Amino acid sequence: MNQKHLFILVGVLVLAFVGFILVDSQSRNRGYRGECGPSGCSGEGMPIGDASLKEFTITASRFKFEPSTITVNKGDRVRITLVNTDTSHGIAISEFGFDLRAGAGEIKSAEFLADKEGTFNFFCSVYCGDGHPEMSGKFVVKSAGSGGQLGSPTGALQAVSLRGTPYGYDKTRISVKAGQPVKFDFSADPNSGCGRQVIIDNVGVNLVSRNGETVSATFTPPSPGIYRYHCSMNMFRGELVAA
């Protein structure tokens, strides 16, 4: 190879190297958006982890959850790990279609999106003994905005009642006014089984009448709509209609 050919070959190699550097730089710039997850950025500039994922470990035992209250923001993705310390238990949140169940001594996890604002009940979805109706907790979803809910409660207190019987609730439909406080009285025959309990979705009410006594809760339906009520086994059901 003469000097001229060598000069040409070196020039081609230099140009190829410069071209490679330019293409790689442009590719990196296209891939990087300046977004980093809570665990940093990957080599391609993509987020690692998810800042909106909230993780909770809930320990279930007869007849309680620990912790019994968890709080997230609207739009968070929620991962719950259920740890069972004795018999089979479940944890269900009706409004989000979430029902995670585990056998005795098992640990299981599942995720869902907290896309509704409010205070919701979570409860054991597997019958675990006589204290099963009391096994519940609160799931609180907060929002910076009003969430489309009505303002401060106004108007007179609305008094309504419900009774559980061995054959179901004595009312399957109750009508109230939205945005106005409701005093809800609940009682049940002692032999009503699941009917000794009533959970009202979306307003955070969970009442248990064990020995026929009347128990009460006061709440305000935040907006017009249907608020489902039921026992934890979902055997007894009804609707609270807010207009």
Protein backbone atom coordinates (compact mmCIF):
# COMPACT_ATOMS: atom_id res chain seq x y z
CA MET A 1 0.00 0.00 0.00
CA ASN A 2 1.49 3.34 -1.05
CA GLN A 3 1.36 6.57 0.96
CA LYS A 4 -1.62 7.94 -0.98
CA HIS A 5 -3.76 4.86 -0.28
CA LEU A 6 -2.79 4.90 3.39
CA PHE A 7 -3.80 8.57 3.65
CA ILE A 8 -7.21 7.81 2.12
CA LEU A 9 -7.78 4.84 4.47
CA VAL A 10 -6.95 6.90 7.56
CA GLY A 11 -9.31 9.65 6.37
CA VAL A 12 -12.18 7.17 5.90
CA LEU A 13 -11.64 5.74 9.39
CA VAL A 14 -11.61 9.21 10.95
CA LEU A 15 -14.84 10.19 9.18
CA ALA A 16 -16.52 6.93 10.24
CA PHE A 17 -15.54 7.47 13.86
CA VAL A 18 -16.83 11.06 13.88
CA GLY A 19 -20.12 9.93 12.30
CA PHE A 20 -20.58 7.23 14.95
CA ILE A 21 -20.07 9.76 17.76
CA LEU A 22 -22.65 12.14 16.27
CA VAL A 23 -25.29 9.41 15.76
CA ASP A 24 -24.80 8.04 19.29
CA SER A 25 -25.09 11.51 20.78
CA GLN A 26 -28.32 12.24 18.91
CA SER A 27 -29.74 8.88 19.96
CA ARG A 28 -28.99 9.56 23.62
CA ASN A 29 -30.55 13.01 23.40
CA ARG A 30 -33.72 11.56 21.90
CA GLY A 31 -33.96 8.90 24.58
CA TYR A 32 -33.39 11.20 27.54
CA ARG A 33 -36.28 13.35 28.73
CA GLY A 34 -34.84 14.55 32.01
CA GLU A 35 -37.21 12.20 33.90
CA CYS A 36 -35.92 10.24 36.85
CA GLY A 37 -37.82 7.97 39.16
CA PRO A 38 -37.30 7.80 42.92
CA SER A 39 -34.47 5.30 42.37
CA GLY A 40 -32.66 7.38 39.72
CA CYS A 41 -32.38 7.11 35.91
CA SER A 42 -31.45 4.18 33.72
CA GLY A 43 -28.76 4.27 31.03
CA GLU A 44 -31.41 5.25 28.48
CA GLY A 45 -32.69 8.13 30.59
CA MET A 46 -35.90 6.27 31.52
CA PRO A 47 -37.35 6.50 35.06
CA ILE A 48 -36.57 3.76 37.57
CA GLY A 49 -39.37 3.12 40.07
CA ASP A 50 -42.69 4.92 40.32
CA ALA A 51 -43.08 7.93 42.60
CA SER A 52 -46.87 7.45 42.74
CA LEU A 53 -46.69 3.84 43.99
CA LYS A 54 -47.59 3.60 47.69
CA GLU A 55 -46.79 0.32 49.43
CA PHE A 56 -48.38 -0.92 52.66
CA THR A 57 -47.94 -4.10 54.66
CA ILE A 58 -51.06 -5.02 56.62
CA THR A 59 -50.97 -7.77 59.23
CA ALA A 60 -54.23 -9.69 59.68
CA SER A 61 -55.14 -11.68 62.79
CA ARG A 62 -58.34 -12.52 64.63
CA PHE A 63 -60.02 -9.97 64.57
CA LYS A 64 -58.02 -6.94 63.53
CA PHE A 65 -55.85 -5.33 60.87
CA GLU A 66 -52.59 -3.56 61.71
CA PRO A 67 -52.44 -0.79 60.65
CA SER A 68 -56.19 -0.21 60.54
CA THR A 69 -55.98 3.10 58.64
CA ILE A 70 -53.98 3.87 55.50
CA THR A 71 -53.91 7.16 53.58
CA VAL A 72 -52.94 7.90 49.97
CA ASN A 73 -53.49 10.61 47.36
CA LYS A 74 -55.98 10.36 44.53
CA GLY A 75 -54.22 8.93 41.48
CA ASP A 76 -51.72 6.87 43.50
CA ARG A 77 -51.15 3.27 42.62
CA VAL A 78 -51.46 1.23 45.82
CA ARG A 79 -49.72 -2.05 46.59
CA ILE A 80 -50.98 -3.91 49.64
CA THR A 81 -49.13 -6.87 51.12
CA LEU A 82 -51.34 -8.99 53.36
CA VAL A 83 -49.59 -10.96 56.10
CA ASN A 84 -51.77 -13.59 57.81
CA THR A 85 -50.63 -14.62 61.26
CA ASP A 86 -53.25 -17.25 62.12
CA THR A 87 -56.15 -18.44 59.96
CA SER A 88 -57.30 -17.44 56.46
CA HIS A 89 -58.18 -13.77 56.00
CA GLY A 90 -58.91 -11.37 53.16
CA ILE A 91 -58.81 -7.63 52.71
CA ALA A 92 -61.43 -6.07 50.44
CA ILE A 93 -62.24 -2.50 49.38
CA SER A 94 -65.50 -2.68 47.44
CA GLU A 95 -65.25 0.69 45.68
CA PHE A 96 -62.00 -0.29 43.94
CA GLY A 97 -62.89 -3.92 43.16
CA PHE A 98 -60.01 -4.99 45.40
CA ASP A 99 -60.16 -8.33 47.21
CA LEU A 100 -56.89 -9.93 48.30
CA ARG A 101 -57.12 -13.26 50.14
CA ALA A 102 -54.47 -15.40 51.79
CA GLY A 103 -54.43 -18.69 53.65
CA ALA A 104 -53.13 -19.33 57.14
CA GLY A 105 -49.56 -18.07 57.46
CA GLU A 106 -49.44 -16.83 53.86
CA ILE A 107 -48.17 -13.50 52.52
CA LYS A 108 -49.72 -12.11 49.32
CA SER A 109 -49.62 -8.79 47.45
CA ALA A 110 -51.79 -7.02 44.89
CA GLU A 111 -52.15 -3.53 43.40
CA PHE A 112 -54.95 -1.17 42.39
CA LEU A 113 -55.43 2.45 41.38
CA ALA A 114 -56.84 4.89 43.95
CA ASP A 115 -58.95 6.83 41.45
CA LYS A 116 -61.71 7.95 43.83
CA GLU A 117 -61.52 10.48 46.64
CA GLY A 118 -63.05 9.83 50.03
CA THR A 119 -62.96 7.60 53.09
CA PHE A 120 -63.62 3.94 52.36
CA ASN A 121 -63.89 0.79 54.46
CA PHE A 122 -61.67 -2.20 54.08
CA PHE A 123 -62.82 -5.41 55.70
CA CYS A 124 -62.04 -9.10 55.99
CA SER A 125 -63.61 -10.94 53.05
CA VAL A 126 -63.06 -14.46 54.45
CA TYR A 127 -65.15 -15.62 57.40
CA CYS A 128 -62.70 -16.10 60.26
CA GLY A 129 -64.82 -16.59 63.37
CA ASP A 130 -67.38 -14.92 65.59
CA GLY A 131 -65.54 -11.58 65.63
CA HIS A 132 -65.36 -11.42 61.83
CA PRO A 133 -67.79 -8.44 61.45
CA GLU A 134 -65.55 -6.22 63.60
CA MET A 135 -62.48 -6.86 61.44
CA SER A 136 -62.25 -3.69 59.39
CA GLY A 137 -60.26 -0.52 58.73
CA LYS A 138 -60.27 2.79 56.87
CA PHE A 139 -58.77 3.60 53.47
CA VAL A 140 -58.47 7.38 53.04
CA VAL A 141 -57.90 8.91 49.58
CA LYS A 142 -57.08 12.62 49.65
CA SER A 143 -57.14 15.17 46.85
CA ALA A 144 -55.77 18.70 46.62
CA GLY A 145 -58.96 19.82 44.86
CA SER A 146 -62.59 19.53 45.81
CA GLY A 147 -62.98 16.33 43.79
CA GLY A 148 -66.35 17.56 42.55
CA GLN A 149 -67.92 17.02 45.95
CA LEU A 150 -70.46 19.33 47.48
CA GLY A 151 -69.46 22.03 49.96
CA SER A 152 -70.02 22.08 53.69
CA PRO A 153 -73.06 20.12 54.92
CA THR A 154 -76.21 22.20 55.15
CA GLY A 155 -79.78 21.58 56.24
CA ALA A 156 -81.42 19.62 59.03
CA LEU A 157 -80.12 16.26 60.20
CA GLN A 158 -81.79 13.41 58.33
CA ALA A 159 -82.66 10.46 60.58
CA VAL A 160 -82.91 7.03 58.98
CA SER A 161 -82.84 3.51 60.41
CA LEU A 162 -82.08 -0.03 59.26
CA ARG A 163 -82.49 -3.39 60.96
CA GLY A 164 -80.83 -6.69 60.17
CA THR A 165 -82.88 -9.88 60.36
CA PRO A 166 -82.07 -13.53 59.66
CA TYR A 167 -83.63 -13.01 56.22
CA GLY A 168 -81.94 -9.76 55.19
CA TYR A 169 -82.18 -6.06 55.93
CA ASP A 170 -85.66 -4.72 56.62
CA LYS A 171 -85.07 -2.06 53.93
CA THR A 172 -83.27 -2.53 50.63
CA ARG A 173 -83.63 1.11 49.58
CA ILE A 174 -83.28 4.30 51.65
CA SER A 175 -83.65 7.81 50.20
CA VAL A 176 -81.82 10.89 51.55
CA LYS A 177 -80.64 14.29 50.33
CA ALA A 178 -77.06 14.73 49.12
CA GLY A 179 -74.93 17.31 50.94
CA GLN A 180 -77.10 17.09 54.05
CA PRO A 181 -76.00 15.18 57.18
CA VAL A 182 -77.54 11.78 57.88
CA LYS A 183 -77.92 10.10 61.28
CA PHE A 184 -77.97 6.40 60.51
CA ASP A 185 -79.30 4.08 63.25
CA PHE A 186 -78.66 0.36 62.85
CA SER A 187 -79.83 -2.61 64.89
CA ALA A 188 -80.00 -6.34 64.23
CA ASP A 189 -81.47 -9.51 65.62
CA PRO A 190 -78.66 -11.40 67.42
CA ASN A 191 -79.23 -14.42 65.16
CA SER A 192 -78.94 -12.39 61.93
CA GLY A 193 -75.50 -13.77 61.07
CA CYS A 194 -73.88 -11.51 58.48
CA GLY A 195 -76.84 -9.15 58.88
CA ARG A 196 -75.48 -7.97 62.23
CA GLN A 197 -73.19 -5.71 60.22
CA VAL A 198 -73.75 -2.92 57.71
CA ILE A 199 -71.06 -1.23 55.61
CA ILE A 200 -71.99 1.85 53.58
CA ASP A 201 -69.64 2.34 50.66
CA ASN A 202 -67.99 5.71 49.94
CA VAL A 203 -68.88 7.32 53.27
CA GLY A 204 -66.73 5.24 55.65
CA VAL A 205 -69.54 3.70 57.73
CA ASN A 206 -69.13 0.25 59.29
CA LEU A 207 -71.60 -0.64 62.07
CA VAL A 208 -72.05 -3.90 64.01
CA SER A 209 -75.00 -4.74 66.26
CA ARG A 210 -73.98 -7.88 68.14
CA ASN A 211 -76.74 -8.24 70.74
CA GLY A 212 -79.67 -6.38 69.27
CA GLU A 213 -78.48 -2.95 70.41
CA THR A 214 -78.81 0.15 68.24
CA VAL A 215 -75.55 1.62 66.97
CA SER A 216 -75.33 4.89 65.04
CA ALA A 217 -73.16 6.88 62.66
CA THR A 218 -73.49 10.38 61.26
CA PHE A 219 -72.20 11.14 57.76
CA THR A 220 -72.92 13.33 54.76
CA PRO A 221 -73.41 11.87 51.27
CA PRO A 222 -70.98 14.11 49.35
CA SER A 223 -72.84 14.10 46.04
CA PRO A 224 -75.99 12.73 44.42
CA GLY A 225 -75.83 9.03 43.59
CA ILE A 226 -76.27 5.52 44.91
CA TYR A 227 -74.31 4.45 47.99
CA ARG A 228 -74.40 0.68 48.33
CA TYR A 229 -74.75 -0.89 51.76
CA HIS A 230 -73.99 -4.53 52.60
CA CYS A 231 -72.43 -6.85 55.14
CA SER A 232 -68.80 -7.96 54.83
CA MET A 233 -69.78 -11.28 53.22
CA ASN A 234 -72.00 -9.36 50.75
CA MET A 235 -74.92 -11.66 51.57
CA PHE A 236 -77.25 -8.81 52.59
CA ARG A 237 -77.45 -5.73 50.35
CA GLY A 238 -79.31 -2.48 49.79
CA GLU A 239 -78.98 1.02 48.34
CA LEU A 240 -78.87 4.45 49.97
CA VAL A 241 -80.06 6.84 47.24
CA ALA A 242 -78.92 10.48 47.62
CA ALA A 243 -80.75 13.00 45.41
